[in-house]
Amino acid sequence: MEDIFKPESQPILRLFSNSDSLFQIPDYQRPYSWTDEQVDQLWEDLTEAFINNNGNASLDVNYFLGSIITVPGEKGYQDVIDGQQRITTLMILFCVIRDMFPNINDQIDPDQNSTVIKITKIKRCIFDDNELKRLKFKTAPAHQNDFQETIINANTTLIKKPTVKALKTSAKSRFENTAAIFVVKLTSFSKNGDDFIGNFINYVFNSVRVIRISCTSRSFAIKLFQSLNATGLDLTPTDLLKSYLLSKLSEDQSRQFVDDWNRVENISAETDFKDLNEMFVAYQYYRLGSNPKRSLNDEMEEVFKDIDPNKSINDVKNFILTYRDQVLNSDSTVVYGLRYLRWSLYWKTIAASAFKDDFQDREGLLKELRRFYYLYWIAGKTLTQIKQSSFNVLKWIKEKQDLNYIKTELRAKILIDKIEERVLDNLRGPVYNEPWFKPLLLQIEYAQTDSSRSSFIEMTKDLHVEHIIPKEYKKFPQWSHISEQDFVKFGNSIGNLTLLSGAKNIEASNNPFDVKLDVYRGIGKHQSKKSGLTSFEITKKIVNEHSIEGKVAEWVLRDTHRRWDWFCDETRALLEIDLNGIKSNM
């Protein structure tokens, strides 16, 4: 009976020159991803091993590069199940050597040195030398044309190093980047002389070895791949999950799965999940409805073990579509407020679950979540205090509990944890540097506008919290009525702060009040005549209340108290909390 797998240690030359040395990357593999760090590390490993071997290509002193797992594919090619990053990088290195050193080792008689590598051997590692002239390596089908045009059929010495932005978005740019790095490295290395660079190339092809594991079964190859990478290595949990699901499918079934998986990746990239792995964690929370007790991969394998993989990935696709279309792309100002939260994974999972499982009062649930999370945030609590409650809400949604039940449970926890008292204490003090204050102001801003005309306001570096009484008030006679004691007490308080953006904040921050009002109106020296009032309604309110014709504009402590009380009223309506205890009562 034929062995199900066969491991063999092979030097690079043999790996690429055997009769079965035709490799291709299956379409379900991720694109080539190596950038500077990984290519530099490979180069350092190769050159250090060569130098430690005294610059000789001795067949007795080898360097182990790692393993690759292959399984028979189509048209005589071997599908690379594991090792695509290394094998792609090696092929790029071959092409750079081909273009930089066409006469390499020409002066050496191969009869006198059996390890000599000349250009003909290098080219045979790129193309076979029969009448078919087949490529020895093909990358994933979606990127093969780019690989041939950029690396195989091009002069790699002319490649320019791509931008950092291009590297993040384009496999073609990563091919080019690796080639550009090797050109620089080999140029520097070749300064040591022809013999030195010739010996280095001999060493790479003869003494650098790879463990090639040839498998007869694709499902076994993927399971072996999982086993060898159980500690993570270069793989994410979603890579392992993908390989697990693929191992359960036939070749024909896998094509639909790969299409759906790629669709999931593309939809996830259109959301605010930081990566695919985080999105799958959200889906894991949704499926379990409880705090996971094992790793993402282990938990999901258990969830999916008795379900057809194509049905599994279709459910994932529906989950992320629901989040993108029903939650993220909604025009709900409640969702806008949730998007500023630091504990984003929990509310996103709950919101997507509520829409996907058709929870009856979704808007009411989102408002209750906003109240719960913001009260704990303002109270200074950490993830530990909200984590279990978040899983409880997921469980209650699955149990078909109604909104009243969920509200009762969450509010009981708020009461037990004495959250409202902590909120009152923290709102009473200086709030300027609190991370939750700007999001709170933005939600008050949304409340000033008809929700049908609101749009999401990004928390960019140009969005500022502005002091109405400026921090440098002592520099201006117009602020002489403000004492140091007044500013210590009220300067960074809720009564002295508003929102501005961009250059408006820079211009307004330290000025007399009449100058500030001009900036708030949009007629400061850096503002165009068409800019009008500042875009924030809560800042327009200051303008409207202090634009009395014929009267000198002035901001006094009474205005700070009024602003404080107004803020309390708005926050009370937003978070359903009694703030009378901290109002000024003026």
Foldseek 3Di string as FASTA:
>chain_A
DDDQKDKDKDFQLCCLQDPLLAEEEEQLDDFQQDFDVVLVVVVCQLVVQCVVVVLAQDLVRFAEDEAWEWEDDPPSYTHTLPDPNVVLLVLLLLQQCCLPCQAAPVVDDCVVPVLFDHSVSSVCSQFPPDPVRDGSYAYRPVCRVLCCVQGVVDNLLPQDQDDPVCSVPDSSNRSNNSSPVSNVVLVVQCVVDRSSSRRSVSNNRNRYIYIYMYGHALLVSLVVVCVVCVVPVPHDLVVNLLSNLVSVDDPVVVVLLSVLVVLLQVLVVVAPDPHPNLLLVLVLLLQVLADDPDDSNVSVCVVCVPPRSSVVSVVSSLLSVLLVPVQVPDLDLLSLLLVLAPVNSLVSSLLSSCRVLVAPCSVLVSLLVSLLRLLCLLLVHDCVLCVRLSSVSSVCVVVNHHPVVNSVVSVVSCVVVVSLVSNLVSQLAQCQPRSCPVSLQVSLQCVVDDSVPDDRDDPDPFKHKAFLCAPVVVVDPLSVQQDPVNCNRQRRHQLGIHIAGHVLRVQQRDDHNVQNLCSQQQNHPPGDPPPGGTPGPLSVVLNVVQPDPPDDGHDDVVSSLVSSQVSQVSVCVSNVHDNPVSRPPD
